[in-house]
Every structure is written in C-alpha cells, then in structure tokens.
C-alpha cells in the first residue's frame, strides 16, 4: 500500500534491534485518514472470509482493526493487557512478549465477546516475530472459534513471523512488507 509505505519512508524511524517507530501516524498519534484507507484495503482483501468479528491486541492494533471492521460491518474485540473489574472472573488469557517493552504482556478477552464457533479475523499493527499474533490465535482457539485470516499494517520479514504463522493455513496479508532496515533506510518488497 503506497500511502502507508510513503509514511514509513518519510516519518518512520529505525531505532535498532528491529524496532520501527511509527508513533506519529500509527501507535501514539493516529492518522485517521490513513487508518481508514488501511481498513478499506483489509476489508477488500478479506471480503470473502465471512468473518463475524475482528480481533486485535490493545492498543496499537485498535485503529486498523476498527477501520477494517467499519468496512466489513463487524464488531471489534481487543485483547486487554490488564483485567478490569467489569470483566467476568473466567476469561481467556495468554501471554506474549512485547518487542518494544521487553516484557511478557497478558492478552485477556472476555468469553462473551469471543463466542464459540464464530469466524474471527485478526488485524494488528505489526507482524514481526509473530509472537503477539500467535497469542491472539491461542485466544481464538481457547474460545473454540475459527480463525479465517490475519492482516497486519507492517510486516518485517527478517524477524520470521510469517513462517511461524504458515502452519495456521489461513490467509496472511500485510499492507507493507519490509525486508531489511538499517542506517535510516528501509528495503521493501511486494506484500503478500
């Protein structure tokens, strides 16, 4: 997706160790026009998936997931990182490493919002190692729901996440694919 790629080139910052800072338009300050375009692109790609809900992780995945769900006319569920008192005692919970925080983060979803047998589309901001997305996949499986696809704004192929997801046998679609980063430069390849 050219619009997202241009924003990465112009505003993205390589912080080293595979960390790409896109805070100015994705995950601290959010560009709603860009996220709307991304959501439209995801909805077009996954239009035949028959998804019934969109699932993401708090917080950076919410904007692209919400815009995707808008175009698919679906609800969005986001895995919380801490359990509020309004959530029932019994929840679906897993942990996944946070690449940017360097800690294990909880991913928690209430069973009332991830029903058994529903068709779930995962949308998130990054596909890097695949650890966070696999955490979301574990939540889908724990709920007895069916995973129908995975979409990410930015994939960093050099971290191997796509290979981890290959065994899931669902479509994985990234809007922008970065094959290498370094010295303030990004190498892109055609997204799959």
C-alpha atoms as a PDB file:
ATOM      1  CA  UNK A   1       0.000   0.000   0.000  1.00  0.00           C
ATOM      2  CA  UNK A   2       1.723   3.085  -1.302  1.00  0.00           C
ATOM      3  CA  UNK A   3       0.206   5.561   1.191  1.00  0.00           C
ATOM      4  CA  UNK A   4       1.450   3.609   4.221  1.00  0.00           C
ATOM      5  CA  UNK A   5       4.822   2.900   2.621  1.00  0.00           C
ATOM      6  CA  UNK A   6       5.371   6.618   1.958  1.00  0.00           C
ATOM      7  CA  UNK A   7       4.582   7.470   5.569  1.00  0.00           C
ATOM      8  CA  UNK A   8       7.123   4.904   6.760  1.00  0.00           C
ATOM      9  CA  UNK A   9       9.768   6.350   4.436  1.00  0.00           C
ATOM     10  CA  UNK A  10       9.040   9.945   5.475  1.00  0.00           C
ATOM     11  CA  UNK A  11       8.274   9.544   9.194  1.00  0.00           C
ATOM     12  CA  UNK A  12       9.330   6.059  10.318  1.00  0.00           C
ATOM     13  CA  UNK A  13      12.428   5.748  12.461  1.00  0.00           C
ATOM     14  CA  UNK A  14      14.694   2.709  12.738  1.00  0.00           C
ATOM     15  CA  UNK A  15      15.557   2.541  16.453  1.00  0.00           C
ATOM     16  CA  UNK A  16      17.791  -0.508  16.042  1.00  0.00           C
ATOM     17  CA  UNK A  17      17.201  -4.108  17.117  1.00  0.00           C
ATOM     18  CA  UNK A  18      14.391  -4.396  14.574  1.00  0.00           C
ATOM     19  CA  UNK A  19      12.254  -1.709  16.205  1.00  0.00           C
ATOM     20  CA  UNK A  20      10.452   0.600  13.786  1.00  0.00           C
ATOM     21  CA  UNK A  21       8.981   3.724  15.361  1.00  0.00           C
ATOM     22  CA  UNK A  22       5.754   4.780  13.644  1.00  0.00           C
ATOM     23  CA  UNK A  23       4.370   6.733  16.589  1.00  0.00           C
ATOM     24  CA  UNK A  24       3.481   9.798  14.533  1.00  0.00           C
ATOM     25  CA  UNK A  25       0.824   8.009  12.463  1.00  0.00           C
ATOM     26  CA  UNK A  26       0.037   4.521  13.860  1.00  0.00           C
ATOM     27  CA  UNK A  27       0.530   3.925  17.545  1.00  0.00           C
ATOM     28  CA  UNK A  28       0.766   7.073  19.626  1.00  0.00           C
ATOM     29  CA  UNK A  29      -0.657   9.702  17.353  1.00  0.00           C
ATOM     30  CA  UNK A  30      -3.026   8.071  14.854  1.00  0.00           C
ATOM     31  CA  UNK A  31      -3.772   9.383  11.367  1.00  0.00           C
ATOM     32  CA  UNK A  32      -7.482   8.568  10.902  1.00  0.00           C
ATOM     33  CA  UNK A  33      -7.403   9.135   7.129  1.00  0.00           C
ATOM     34  CA  UNK A  34      -4.507   6.682   6.766  1.00  0.00           C
ATOM     35  CA  UNK A  35      -6.174   4.128   9.075  1.00  0.00           C
ATOM     36  CA  UNK A  36      -9.415   4.470   7.115  1.00  0.00           C
ATOM     37  CA  UNK A  37      -7.558   3.697   3.868  1.00  0.00           C
ATOM     38  CA  UNK A  38      -5.831   0.724   5.529  1.00  0.00           C
ATOM     39  CA  UNK A  39      -9.148  -0.580   6.848  1.00  0.00           C
ATOM     40  CA  UNK A  40     -10.689  -0.283   3.400  1.00  0.00           C
ATOM     41  CA  UNK A  41      -7.785  -2.266   1.901  1.00  0.00           C
ATOM     42  CA  UNK A  42      -8.066  -5.023   4.528  1.00  0.00           C
ATOM     43  CA  UNK A  43     -11.842  -5.202   4.078  1.00  0.00           C
ATOM     44  CA  UNK A  44     -11.395  -5.591   0.330  1.00  0.00           C
ATOM     45  CA  UNK A  45      -8.832  -8.383   0.762  1.00  0.00           C
ATOM     46  CA  UNK A  46     -10.865 -10.274   3.408  1.00  0.00           C
ATOM     47  CA  UNK A  47     -14.335  -9.583   1.950  1.00  0.00           C
ATOM     48  CA  UNK A  48     -14.965 -13.276   1.210  1.00  0.00           C
ATOM     49  CA  UNK A  49     -13.717 -14.559   4.586  1.00  0.00           C
ATOM     50  CA  UNK A  50     -17.214 -14.459   6.105  1.00  0.00           C
ATOM     51  CA  UNK A  51     -15.647 -13.115   9.315  1.00  0.00           C
ATOM     52  CA  UNK A  52     -18.041 -12.362  12.154  1.00  0.00           C
ATOM     53  CA  UNK A  53     -15.661 -10.416  14.404  1.00  0.00           C
ATOM     54  CA  UNK A  54     -12.328  -8.656  14.189  1.00  0.00           C
ATOM     55  CA  UNK A  55      -9.832  -9.361  16.982  1.00  0.00           C
ATOM     56  CA  UNK A  56      -6.749  -7.320  17.834  1.00  0.00           C
ATOM     57  CA  UNK A  57      -4.394  -6.535  20.705  1.00  0.00           C
ATOM     58  CA  UNK A  58      -4.535  -3.423  22.856  1.00  0.00           C
ATOM     59  CA  UNK A  59      -3.573  -0.701  21.926  1.00  0.00           C
ATOM     60  CA  UNK A  60      -1.800  -0.239  18.593  1.00  0.00           C
ATOM     61  CA  UNK A  61      -3.982  -2.723  16.743  1.00  0.00           C
ATOM     62  CA  UNK A  62      -7.234  -0.980  17.637  1.00  0.00           C
ATOM     63  CA  UNK A  63      -7.167   1.742  14.948  1.00  0.00           C
ATOM     64  CA  UNK A  64      -6.590  -0.554  11.926  1.00  0.00           C
ATOM     65  CA  UNK A  65      -8.946  -3.191  13.361  1.00  0.00           C
ATOM     66  CA  UNK A  66     -11.692  -0.627  13.925  1.00  0.00           C
ATOM     67  CA  UNK A  67     -11.432   0.749  10.396  1.00  0.00           C
ATOM     68  CA  UNK A  68     -11.418  -2.764   8.920  1.00  0.00           C
ATOM     69  CA  UNK A  69     -14.478  -3.689  10.953  1.00  0.00           C
ATOM     70  CA  UNK A  70     -16.202  -0.491   9.823  1.00  0.00           C
ATOM     71  CA  UNK A  71     -15.952  -1.582   6.182  1.00  0.00           C
ATOM     72  CA  UNK A  72     -16.891  -5.199   6.948  1.00  0.00           C
ATOM     73  CA  UNK A  73     -19.728  -4.073   9.259  1.00  0.00           C
ATOM     74  CA  UNK A  74     -18.421  -6.194  12.152  1.00  0.00           C
ATOM     75  CA  UNK A  75     -17.713  -5.667  15.854  1.00  0.00           C
ATOM     76  CA  UNK A  76     -14.116  -5.281  17.058  1.00  0.00           C
ATOM     77  CA  UNK A  77     -12.806  -7.118  20.105  1.00  0.00           C
ATOM     78  CA  UNK A  78      -9.455  -6.172  21.537  1.00  0.00           C
ATOM     79  CA  UNK A  79      -7.424  -8.279  23.904  1.00  0.00           C
ATOM     80  CA  UNK A  80      -6.836  -6.260  27.046  1.00  0.00           C
ATOM     81  CA  UNK A  81      -3.443  -6.145  28.759  1.00  0.00           C
ATOM     82  CA  UNK A  82      -4.958  -5.919  32.227  1.00  0.00           C
ATOM     83  CA  UNK A  83      -8.246  -7.217  33.584  1.00  0.00           C
ATOM     84  CA  UNK A  84     -10.758  -4.516  34.550  1.00  0.00           C
ATOM     85  CA  UNK A  85     -13.219  -5.141  37.374  1.00  0.00           C
ATOM     86  CA  UNK A  86     -16.055  -5.154  34.817  1.00  0.00           C
ATOM     87  CA  UNK A  87     -14.710  -8.335  33.197  1.00  0.00           C
ATOM     88  CA  UNK A  88     -16.036 -11.686  34.449  1.00  0.00           C
ATOM     89  CA  UNK A  89     -13.872 -13.901  36.669  1.00  0.00           C
ATOM     90  CA  UNK A  90     -13.473 -16.526  33.944  1.00  0.00           C
ATOM     91  CA  UNK A  91     -11.601 -15.139  30.931  1.00  0.00           C
ATOM     92  CA  UNK A  92      -9.445 -16.270  28.049  1.00  0.00           C
ATOM     93  CA  UNK A  93      -5.865 -15.312  28.914  1.00  0.00           C
ATOM     94  CA  UNK A  94      -2.471 -15.868  27.354  1.00  0.00           C
ATOM     95  CA  UNK A  95       0.877 -14.095  27.424  1.00  0.00           C
ATOM     96  CA  UNK A  96       3.090 -12.864  24.610  1.00  0.00           C
ATOM     97  CA  UNK A  97       6.388 -10.985  24.580  1.00  0.00           C
ATOM     98  CA  UNK A  98       6.222  -7.253  23.923  1.00  0.00           C
ATOM     99  CA  UNK A  99       9.012  -6.417  21.477  1.00  0.00           C
ATOM    100  CA  UNK A 100       9.014  -2.704  22.301  1.00  0.00           C
ATOM    101  CA  UNK A 101       8.613  -3.073  26.079  1.00  0.00           C
ATOM    102  CA  UNK A 102      10.886  -6.075  26.545  1.00  0.00           C
ATOM    103  CA  UNK A 103       8.439  -7.849  28.883  1.00  0.00           C
ATOM    104  CA  UNK A 104       5.760 -10.512  28.716  1.00  0.00           C
ATOM    105  CA  UNK A 105       2.313  -8.947  28.273  1.00  0.00           C
ATOM    106  CA  UNK A 106      -1.007 -10.526  29.125  1.00  0.00           C
ATOM    107  CA  UNK A 107      -3.708 -10.728  26.459  1.00  0.00           C
ATOM    108  CA  UNK A 108      -7.166 -11.093  28.003  1.00  0.00           C
ATOM    109  CA  UNK A 109     -10.595 -11.430  26.364  1.00  0.00           C
ATOM    110  CA  UNK A 110     -13.976 -11.925  27.974  1.00  0.00           C
ATOM    111  CA  UNK A 111     -15.760 -15.077  26.711  1.00  0.00           C
ATOM    112  CA  UNK A 112     -18.894 -13.044  25.982  1.00  0.00           C
ATOM    113  CA  UNK A 113     -17.055 -11.252  23.155  1.00  0.00           C
ATOM    114  CA  UNK A 114     -15.322 -14.266  21.602  1.00  0.00           C
ATOM    115  CA  UNK A 115     -18.097 -16.842  21.131  1.00  0.00           C
ATOM    116  CA  UNK A 116     -17.515 -20.479  20.266  1.00  0.00           C
ATOM    117  CA  UNK A 117     -17.834 -21.263  16.572  1.00  0.00           C
ATOM    118  CA  UNK A 118     -17.595 -17.656  15.325  1.00  0.00           C
ATOM    119  CA  UNK A 119     -15.344 -16.754  12.412  1.00  0.00           C
ATOM    120  CA  UNK A 120     -12.555 -14.438  13.610  1.00  0.00           C
ATOM    121  CA  UNK A 121     -10.322 -12.130  11.570  1.00  0.00           C
ATOM    122  CA  UNK A 122      -7.179 -10.888  13.332  1.00  0.00           C
ATOM    123  CA  UNK A 123      -5.929  -7.405  12.410  1.00  0.00           C
ATOM    124  CA  UNK A 124      -2.832  -5.927  14.079  1.00  0.00           C
ATOM    125  CA  UNK A 125      -0.223  -3.247  13.515  1.00  0.00           C
ATOM    126  CA  UNK A 126       2.925  -5.390  13.074  1.00  0.00           C
ATOM    127  CA  UNK A 127       3.923  -8.867  12.017  1.00  0.00           C
ATOM    128  CA  UNK A 128       7.488  -9.273  13.293  1.00  0.00           C
ATOM    129  CA  UNK A 129       8.296 -12.455  15.217  1.00  0.00           C
ATOM    130  CA  UNK A 130       4.620 -13.437  15.175  1.00  0.00           C
ATOM    131  CA  UNK A 131       4.508 -13.848  18.968  1.00  0.00           C
ATOM    132  CA  UNK A 132       1.677 -11.375  19.635  1.00  0.00           C
ATOM    133  CA  UNK A 133      -0.404 -12.696  16.754  1.00  0.00           C
ATOM    134  CA  UNK A 134       0.143 -16.261  17.981  1.00  0.00           C
ATOM    135  CA  UNK A 135      -1.113 -15.071  21.375  1.00  0.00           C
ATOM    136  CA  UNK A 136      -4.289 -13.834  19.685  1.00  0.00           C
ATOM    137  CA  UNK A 137      -4.545 -17.148  17.818  1.00  0.00           C
ATOM    138  CA  UNK A 138      -4.342 -19.006  21.166  1.00  0.00           C
ATOM    139  CA  UNK A 139      -7.278 -16.901  22.409  1.00  0.00           C
ATOM    140  CA  UNK A 140      -9.314 -17.793  19.297  1.00  0.00           C
ATOM    141  CA  UNK A 141      -8.550 -21.490  19.812  1.00  0.00           C
ATOM    142  CA  UNK A 142      -9.325 -21.331  23.541  1.00  0.00           C
ATOM    143  CA  UNK A 143     -12.726 -19.879  22.675  1.00  0.00           C
ATOM    144  CA  UNK A 144     -13.436 -22.648  20.180  1.00  0.00           C
ATOM    145  CA  UNK A 145     -13.764 -20.025  17.436  1.00  0.00           C
ATOM    146  CA  UNK A 146     -12.478 -20.297  13.871  1.00  0.00           C
ATOM    147  CA  UNK A 147      -9.607 -18.181  12.577  1.00  0.00           C
ATOM    148  CA  UNK A 148     -10.290 -17.021   8.996  1.00  0.00           C
ATOM    149  CA  UNK A 149      -7.393 -14.642   8.324  1.00  0.00           C
ATOM    150  CA  UNK A 150      -4.680 -12.348   9.631  1.00  0.00           C
ATOM    151  CA  UNK A 151      -3.945  -8.822   8.450  1.00  0.00           C
ATOM    152  CA  UNK A 152      -1.124  -6.530   9.531  1.00  0.00           C
ATOM    153  CA  UNK A 153      -0.189  -2.998   8.604  1.00  0.00           C
ATOM    154  CA  UNK A 154       3.565  -3.648   8.532  1.00  0.00           C
ATOM    155  CA  UNK A 155       5.447  -6.917   8.204  1.00  0.00           C
ATOM    156  CA  UNK A 156       9.160  -7.194   8.959  1.00  0.00           C
ATOM    157  CA  UNK A 157      10.112 -10.367   7.086  1.00  0.00           C
ATOM    158  CA  UNK A 158      13.573 -10.539   8.659  1.00  0.00           C
ATOM    159  CA  UNK A 159      12.008 -11.478  12.016  1.00  0.00           C
ATOM    160  CA  UNK A 160      10.397 -14.702  10.734  1.00  0.00           C
ATOM    161  CA  UNK A 161       6.799 -14.228  11.841  1.00  0.00           C
ATOM    162  CA  UNK A 162       5.216 -15.311   8.562  1.00  0.00           C
ATOM    163  CA  UNK A 163       6.956 -18.687   8.808  1.00  0.00           C
ATOM    164  CA  UNK A 164       5.507 -19.144  12.314  1.00  0.00           C
ATOM    165  CA  UNK A 165       2.003 -18.387  11.021  1.00  0.00           C
ATOM    166  CA  UNK A 166       2.274 -20.659   7.952  1.00  0.00           C
ATOM    167  CA  UNK A 167       1.076 -23.705   9.891  1.00  0.00           C
ATOM    168  CA  UNK A 168      -2.250 -21.950  10.606  1.00  0.00           C
ATOM    169  CA  UNK A 169      -3.311 -22.388   6.975  1.00  0.00           C
ATOM    170  CA  UNK A 170      -5.184 -19.061   6.762  1.00  0.00           C
ATOM    171  CA  UNK A 171      -4.537 -16.047   4.527  1.00  0.00           C
ATOM    172  CA  UNK A 172      -1.947 -13.635   5.972  1.00  0.00           C
ATOM    173  CA  UNK A 173      -1.963 -10.203   4.346  1.00  0.00           C
ATOM    174  CA  UNK A 174       0.396  -7.324   5.130  1.00  0.00           C
ATOM    175  CA  UNK A 175      -0.125  -3.878   3.633  1.00  0.00           C
ATOM    176  CA  UNK A 176       3.608  -3.079   3.668  1.00  0.00           C
ATOM    177  CA  UNK A 177       6.457  -5.568   3.829  1.00  0.00           C
ATOM    178  CA  UNK A 178       9.923  -4.517   4.972  1.00  0.00           C
ATOM    179  CA  UNK A 179      12.694  -6.976   4.129  1.00  0.00           C
ATOM    180  CA  UNK A 180      15.543  -5.025   5.780  1.00  0.00           C
ATOM    181  CA  UNK A 181      16.149  -1.938   7.903  1.00  0.00           C
ATOM    182  CA  UNK A 182      19.323  -0.109   8.834  1.00  0.00           C
ATOM    183  CA  UNK A 183      21.031   3.263   8.834  1.00  0.00           C
ATOM    184  CA  UNK A 184      17.698   5.039   8.448  1.00  0.00           C
ATOM    185  CA  UNK A 185      16.896   3.106   5.255  1.00  0.00           C
ATOM    186  CA  UNK A 186      14.135   0.622   4.592  1.00  0.00           C
ATOM    187  CA  UNK A 187      14.042  -2.103   1.956  1.00  0.00           C
ATOM    188  CA  UNK A 188      10.539  -3.012   0.840  1.00  0.00           C
ATOM    189  CA  UNK A 189       9.228  -5.968  -1.083  1.00  0.00           C
ATOM    190  CA  UNK A 190       5.839  -6.689  -2.566  1.00  0.00           C
ATOM    191  CA  UNK A 191       3.330  -7.541   0.157  1.00  0.00           C
ATOM    192  CA  UNK A 192       1.659 -10.921   0.178  1.00  0.00           C
END
